[in-house]
Amino acid sequence: MVDRIQTPDTRPMSAPELLVLASVVVGQLSGDYPELMVKVDHHDGPHVDLWLCPSRSTVKERRQLVTDISRTFDAPVNGWETPVASVYARDWNGTGVRVSCLCKIADDLTEE
């Protein structure tokens, strides 16, 4: 079952506008994430999704990204006690843009 996340009504954004906003969102993060993956879409409103691929990053890096996004956008982290954590900033700077991150934060072999 997919949980629909509601964002405020905003005017439609063009792809270039959303890409510019995505670059600003990434620029707000305090960490350096060379392997950061970014996806933008307009499904259920403008959305910027950030993650680190498990095969190209460590558990520590992925945990840091989730923490950084949570602190930067004042959004709670869901799932610290599970293998996958997520964080959602539902209305970035009042623009109606949803910023989300979903990362695998535990492996079969614990990394530190």
N, C-alpha and C. Protein backbone atom coordinates (compact mmCIF):
# COMPACT_ATOMS: atom_id res chain seq x y z
N MET A 1 0.84 -1.17 0.00
CA MET A 1 0.00 0.00 0.00
C MET A 1 0.89 1.24 0.00
N VAL A 2 0.61 2.19 -0.88
CA VAL A 2 1.37 3.42 -0.97
C VAL A 2 0.66 4.49 -0.18
N ASP A 3 1.41 5.13 0.71
CA ASP A 3 0.87 6.23 1.51
C ASP A 3 1.08 7.53 0.74
N ARG A 4 0.01 8.18 0.37
CA ARG A 4 0.10 9.43 -0.37
C ARG A 4 0.49 10.55 0.59
N ILE A 5 1.52 11.27 0.25
CA ILE A 5 1.98 12.37 1.07
C ILE A 5 1.48 13.66 0.44
N GLN A 6 0.69 14.38 1.18
CA GLN A 6 0.09 15.61 0.66
C GLN A 6 1.07 16.77 0.82
N THR A 7 1.17 17.58 -0.22
CA THR A 7 1.94 18.82 -0.16
C THR A 7 0.99 19.95 -0.48
N PRO A 8 1.34 21.16 -0.07
CA PRO A 8 0.46 22.29 -0.35
C PRO A 8 0.29 22.47 -1.85
N ASP A 9 -0.84 23.06 -2.23
CA ASP A 9 -1.06 23.35 -3.64
C ASP A 9 -0.05 24.41 -4.08
N THR A 10 0.61 24.16 -5.17
CA THR A 10 1.55 25.11 -5.73
C THR A 10 1.30 25.20 -7.22
N ARG A 11 1.86 26.22 -7.82
CA ARG A 11 1.73 26.33 -9.27
C ARG A 11 2.58 25.23 -9.89
N PRO A 12 2.22 24.78 -11.06
CA PRO A 12 3.03 23.75 -11.72
C PRO A 12 4.45 24.28 -11.97
N MET A 13 5.43 23.42 -11.81
CA MET A 13 6.83 23.79 -12.04
C MET A 13 7.32 23.13 -13.31
N SER A 14 8.14 23.83 -14.02
CA SER A 14 8.77 23.24 -15.20
C SER A 14 9.92 22.34 -14.72
N ALA A 15 10.35 21.45 -15.58
CA ALA A 15 11.48 20.59 -15.24
C ALA A 15 12.73 21.40 -14.91
N PRO A 16 13.07 22.43 -15.70
CA PRO A 16 14.25 23.23 -15.34
C PRO A 16 14.13 23.90 -13.96
N GLU A 17 12.93 24.40 -13.62
CA GLU A 17 12.74 25.01 -12.30
C GLU A 17 12.98 23.99 -11.19
N LEU A 18 12.43 22.80 -11.35
CA LEU A 18 12.58 21.76 -10.33
C LEU A 18 14.04 21.31 -10.24
N LEU A 19 14.74 21.24 -11.35
CA LEU A 19 16.16 20.87 -11.31
C LEU A 19 16.99 21.93 -10.60
N VAL A 20 16.68 23.20 -10.82
CA VAL A 20 17.38 24.28 -10.11
C VAL A 20 17.11 24.16 -8.62
N LEU A 21 15.85 23.93 -8.23
CA LEU A 21 15.53 23.76 -6.81
C LEU A 21 16.26 22.56 -6.22
N ALA A 22 16.38 21.48 -6.98
CA ALA A 22 17.10 20.30 -6.49
C ALA A 22 18.56 20.65 -6.22
N SER A 23 19.17 21.45 -7.07
CA SER A 23 20.57 21.82 -6.84
C SER A 23 20.70 22.70 -5.60
N VAL A 24 19.72 23.54 -5.33
CA VAL A 24 19.74 24.36 -4.12
C VAL A 24 19.56 23.48 -2.89
N VAL A 25 18.65 22.51 -2.96
CA VAL A 25 18.44 21.57 -1.85
C VAL A 25 19.74 20.85 -1.53
N VAL A 26 20.40 20.31 -2.54
CA VAL A 26 21.66 19.59 -2.32
C VAL A 26 22.72 20.54 -1.76
N GLY A 27 22.75 21.77 -2.23
CA GLY A 27 23.70 22.75 -1.74
C GLY A 27 23.52 23.10 -0.27
N GLN A 28 22.34 22.89 0.27
CA GLN A 28 22.08 23.18 1.68
C GLN A 28 22.65 22.11 2.61
N LEU A 29 22.95 20.93 2.10
CA LEU A 29 23.46 19.86 2.95
C LEU A 29 24.87 20.20 3.42
N SER A 30 25.19 19.82 4.64
CA SER A 30 26.50 20.16 5.20
C SER A 30 27.58 19.16 4.81
N GLY A 31 27.19 17.94 4.46
CA GLY A 31 28.18 16.92 4.13
C GLY A 31 28.57 16.93 2.67
N ASP A 32 29.68 16.25 2.38
CA ASP A 32 30.13 16.07 1.01
C ASP A 32 29.79 14.64 0.61
N TYR A 33 28.93 14.48 -0.36
CA TYR A 33 28.45 13.16 -0.77
C TYR A 33 28.74 12.95 -2.26
N PRO A 34 29.96 12.51 -2.60
CA PRO A 34 30.32 12.36 -4.02
C PRO A 34 29.43 11.38 -4.77
N GLU A 35 28.85 10.43 -4.09
CA GLU A 35 28.02 9.41 -4.74
C GLU A 35 26.53 9.69 -4.59
N LEU A 36 26.16 10.92 -4.22
CA LEU A 36 24.75 11.26 -3.99
C LEU A 36 23.95 11.09 -5.28
N MET A 37 22.83 10.42 -5.16
CA MET A 37 21.90 10.23 -6.27
C MET A 37 20.72 11.18 -6.03
N VAL A 38 20.27 11.82 -7.10
CA VAL A 38 19.17 12.79 -7.01
C VAL A 38 18.16 12.47 -8.11
N LYS A 39 16.90 12.42 -7.71
CA LYS A 39 15.82 12.20 -8.68
C LYS A 39 14.77 13.27 -8.43
N VAL A 40 14.26 13.84 -9.50
CA VAL A 40 13.16 14.80 -9.37
C VAL A 40 11.97 14.26 -10.14
N ASP A 41 10.78 14.55 -9.65
CA ASP A 41 9.57 14.19 -10.39
C ASP A 41 8.42 15.07 -9.93
N HIS A 42 7.31 14.94 -10.62
CA HIS A 42 6.12 15.73 -10.31
C HIS A 42 4.96 14.86 -9.83
N HIS A 43 5.22 13.59 -9.52
CA HIS A 43 4.16 12.70 -9.06
C HIS A 43 3.66 13.18 -7.70
N ASP A 44 2.38 13.45 -7.59
CA ASP A 44 1.77 13.98 -6.36
C ASP A 44 2.44 15.28 -5.91
N GLY A 45 2.86 16.10 -6.85
CA GLY A 45 3.50 17.37 -6.53
C GLY A 45 5.00 17.29 -6.77
N PRO A 46 5.66 18.44 -6.79
CA PRO A 46 7.10 18.45 -7.03
C PRO A 46 7.87 17.74 -5.92
N HIS A 47 8.85 16.95 -6.32
CA HIS A 47 9.52 16.06 -5.39
C HIS A 47 10.99 15.94 -5.75
N VAL A 48 11.87 16.05 -4.73
CA VAL A 48 13.30 15.81 -4.88
C VAL A 48 13.65 14.65 -3.96
N ASP A 49 14.15 13.57 -4.54
CA ASP A 49 14.51 12.37 -3.78
C ASP A 49 16.02 12.23 -3.78
N LEU A 50 16.61 12.03 -2.59
CA LEU A 50 18.06 11.91 -2.42
C LEU A 50 18.39 10.56 -1.81
N TRP A 51 19.45 9.92 -2.27
CA TRP A 51 19.89 8.67 -1.66
C TRP A 51 21.31 8.36 -2.07
N LEU A 52 21.90 7.40 -1.35
CA LEU A 52 23.22 6.86 -1.67
C LEU A 52 23.04 5.38 -1.96
N CYS A 53 23.57 4.94 -3.07
CA CYS A 53 23.48 3.54 -3.47
C CYS A 53 24.28 2.68 -2.50
N PRO A 54 23.70 1.61 -1.96
CA PRO A 54 24.41 0.77 -1.01
C PRO A 54 25.71 0.16 -1.55
N SER A 55 25.78 -0.09 -2.84
CA SER A 55 27.00 -0.69 -3.38
C SER A 55 28.11 0.34 -3.61
N ARG A 56 27.78 1.62 -3.48
CA ARG A 56 28.77 2.68 -3.73
C ARG A 56 29.00 3.56 -2.51
N SER A 57 28.49 3.14 -1.35
CA SER A 57 28.64 3.93 -0.13
C SER A 57 28.66 2.99 1.07
N THR A 58 29.09 3.52 2.19
CA THR A 58 29.13 2.74 3.42
C THR A 58 27.88 3.02 4.26
N VAL A 59 27.63 2.15 5.22
CA VAL A 59 26.52 2.37 6.15
C VAL A 59 26.71 3.71 6.85
N LYS A 60 27.93 4.00 7.25
CA LYS A 60 28.21 5.26 7.95
C LYS A 60 27.86 6.46 7.07
N GLU A 61 28.21 6.44 5.80
CA GLU A 61 27.87 7.54 4.89
C GLU A 61 26.37 7.69 4.73
N ARG A 62 25.67 6.56 4.61
CA ARG A 62 24.21 6.62 4.43
C ARG A 62 23.53 7.13 5.70
N ARG A 63 24.00 6.70 6.85
CA ARG A 63 23.44 7.22 8.11
C ARG A 63 23.68 8.72 8.23
N GLN A 64 24.88 9.15 7.81
CA GLN A 64 25.20 10.59 7.87
C GLN A 64 24.29 11.39 6.95
N LEU A 65 24.01 10.88 5.75
CA LEU A 65 23.12 11.57 4.83
C LEU A 65 21.72 11.74 5.44
N VAL A 66 21.18 10.67 6.00
CA VAL A 66 19.85 10.73 6.62
C VAL A 66 19.85 11.76 7.75
N THR A 67 20.88 11.73 8.58
CA THR A 67 21.00 12.68 9.69
C THR A 67 21.12 14.11 9.18
N ASP A 68 21.94 14.32 8.16
CA ASP A 68 22.15 15.64 7.58
C ASP A 68 20.84 16.20 7.03
N ILE A 69 20.10 15.40 6.30
CA ILE A 69 18.83 15.86 5.74
C ILE A 69 17.84 16.18 6.86
N SER A 70 17.80 15.33 7.87
CA SER A 70 16.90 15.56 9.01
C SER A 70 17.21 16.89 9.69
N ARG A 71 18.48 17.15 9.95
CA ARG A 71 18.87 18.40 10.62
C ARG A 71 18.66 19.61 9.71
N THR A 72 19.05 19.49 8.46
CA THR A 72 18.97 20.61 7.53
C THR A 72 17.53 21.06 7.32
N PHE A 73 16.61 20.11 7.20
CA PHE A 73 15.23 20.45 6.87
C PHE A 73 14.28 20.26 8.04
N ASP A 74 14.84 20.07 9.24
CA ASP A 74 14.04 19.94 10.46
C ASP A 74 12.90 18.94 10.28
N ALA A 75 13.27 17.75 9.85
CA ALA A 75 12.29 16.69 9.59
C ALA A 75 12.70 15.44 10.36
N PRO A 76 11.74 14.72 10.93
CA PRO A 76 12.07 13.53 11.72
C PRO A 76 12.52 12.36 10.84
N VAL A 77 13.37 11.53 11.43
CA VAL A 77 13.81 10.30 10.76
C VAL A 77 12.90 9.17 11.19
N ASN A 78 12.47 8.38 10.22
CA ASN A 78 11.67 7.18 10.49
C ASN A 78 12.55 5.96 10.25
N GLY A 79 12.53 5.00 11.16
CA GLY A 79 13.16 3.71 10.90
C GLY A 79 14.58 3.52 11.37
N TRP A 80 15.06 4.33 12.31
CA TRP A 80 16.43 4.09 12.79
C TRP A 80 16.59 2.66 13.31
N GLU A 81 15.53 2.09 13.83
CA GLU A 81 15.63 0.74 14.41
C GLU A 81 15.46 -0.36 13.37
N THR A 82 15.32 0.00 12.12
CA THR A 82 15.14 -0.97 11.04
C THR A 82 16.33 -0.88 10.07
N PRO A 83 16.42 -1.78 9.10
CA PRO A 83 17.52 -1.71 8.12
C PRO A 83 17.43 -0.54 7.15
N VAL A 84 16.27 0.11 7.06
CA VAL A 84 16.09 1.23 6.13
C VAL A 84 15.48 2.41 6.88
N ALA A 85 16.10 3.59 6.73
CA ALA A 85 15.59 4.80 7.37
C ALA A 85 15.12 5.77 6.29
N SER A 86 14.15 6.61 6.66
CA SER A 86 13.64 7.60 5.72
C SER A 86 13.42 8.92 6.44
N VAL A 87 13.44 9.98 5.66
CA VAL A 87 13.15 11.31 6.17
C VAL A 87 12.45 12.07 5.06
N TYR A 88 11.41 12.85 5.44
CA TYR A 88 10.62 13.60 4.47
C TYR A 88 10.46 15.04 4.96
N ALA A 89 10.90 15.99 4.16
CA ALA A 89 10.60 17.40 4.39
C ALA A 89 9.47 17.71 3.42
N ARG A 90 8.29 17.90 3.92
CA ARG A 90 7.09 17.92 3.08
C ARG A 90 6.83 19.24 2.34
N ASP A 91 7.45 20.33 2.77
CA ASP A 91 7.19 21.61 2.11
C ASP A 91 8.45 22.46 2.20
N TRP A 92 9.41 22.18 1.35
CA TRP A 92 10.71 22.84 1.40
C TRP A 92 10.55 24.35 1.17
N ASN A 93 10.93 25.11 2.18
CA ASN A 93 10.92 26.58 2.13
C ASN A 93 9.60 27.16 1.62
N GLY A 94 8.49 26.50 1.89
CA GLY A 94 7.19 27.00 1.49
C GLY A 94 6.90 26.90 0.00
N THR A 95 7.70 26.14 -0.72
CA THR A 95 7.52 26.01 -2.17
C THR A 95 6.58 24.88 -2.55
N GLY A 96 6.26 24.01 -1.59
CA GLY A 96 5.46 22.84 -1.91
C GLY A 96 6.30 21.67 -2.42
N VAL A 97 7.61 21.87 -2.52
CA VAL A 97 8.50 20.79 -2.96
C VAL A 97 8.75 19.85 -1.79
N ARG A 98 8.54 18.56 -2.04
CA ARG A 98 8.79 17.54 -1.03
C ARG A 98 10.21 17.01 -1.24
N VAL A 99 11.01 17.02 -0.17
CA VAL A 99 12.36 16.46 -0.21
C VAL A 99 12.32 15.17 0.59
N SER A 100 12.82 14.09 0.00
CA SER A 100 12.80 12.82 0.72
C SER A 100 14.13 12.10 0.56
N CYS A 101 14.38 11.23 1.52
CA CYS A 101 15.58 10.39 1.50
C CYS A 101 15.21 9.05 2.09
N LEU A 102 15.62 7.99 1.42
CA LEU A 102 15.40 6.63 1.88
C LEU A 102 16.73 5.91 1.70
N CYS A 103 17.32 5.42 2.79
CA CYS A 103 18.64 4.79 2.71
C CYS A 103 18.69 3.51 3.53
N LYS A 104 19.39 2.53 2.99
CA LYS A 104 19.69 1.31 3.74
C LYS A 104 20.75 1.67 4.77
N ILE A 105 20.43 1.54 6.05
CA ILE A 105 21.35 1.96 7.11
C ILE A 105 21.96 0.81 7.88
N ALA A 106 21.71 -0.40 7.43
CA ALA A 106 22.30 -1.57 8.07
C ALA A 106 22.56 -2.61 7.00
N ASP A 107 23.66 -3.31 7.14
CA ASP A 107 24.00 -4.40 6.24
C ASP A 107 24.03 -5.68 7.05
N ASP A 108 24.12 -6.81 6.34
CA ASP A 108 24.26 -8.09 7.04
C ASP A 108 25.52 -8.07 7.90
N LEU A 109 26.59 -7.50 7.36
CA LEU A 109 27.83 -7.33 8.12
C LEU A 109 27.90 -5.87 8.54
N THR A 110 27.97 -5.63 9.84
CA THR A 110 27.97 -4.27 10.35
C THR A 110 29.25 -3.56 9.93
N GLU A 111 29.06 -2.36 9.35
CA GLU A 111 30.20 -1.52 8.97
C GLU A 111 30.29 -0.37 9.94
N GLU A 112 31.45 0.06 10.21
CA GLU A 112 31.66 1.28 11.03
C GLU A 112 32.78 2.06 10.49
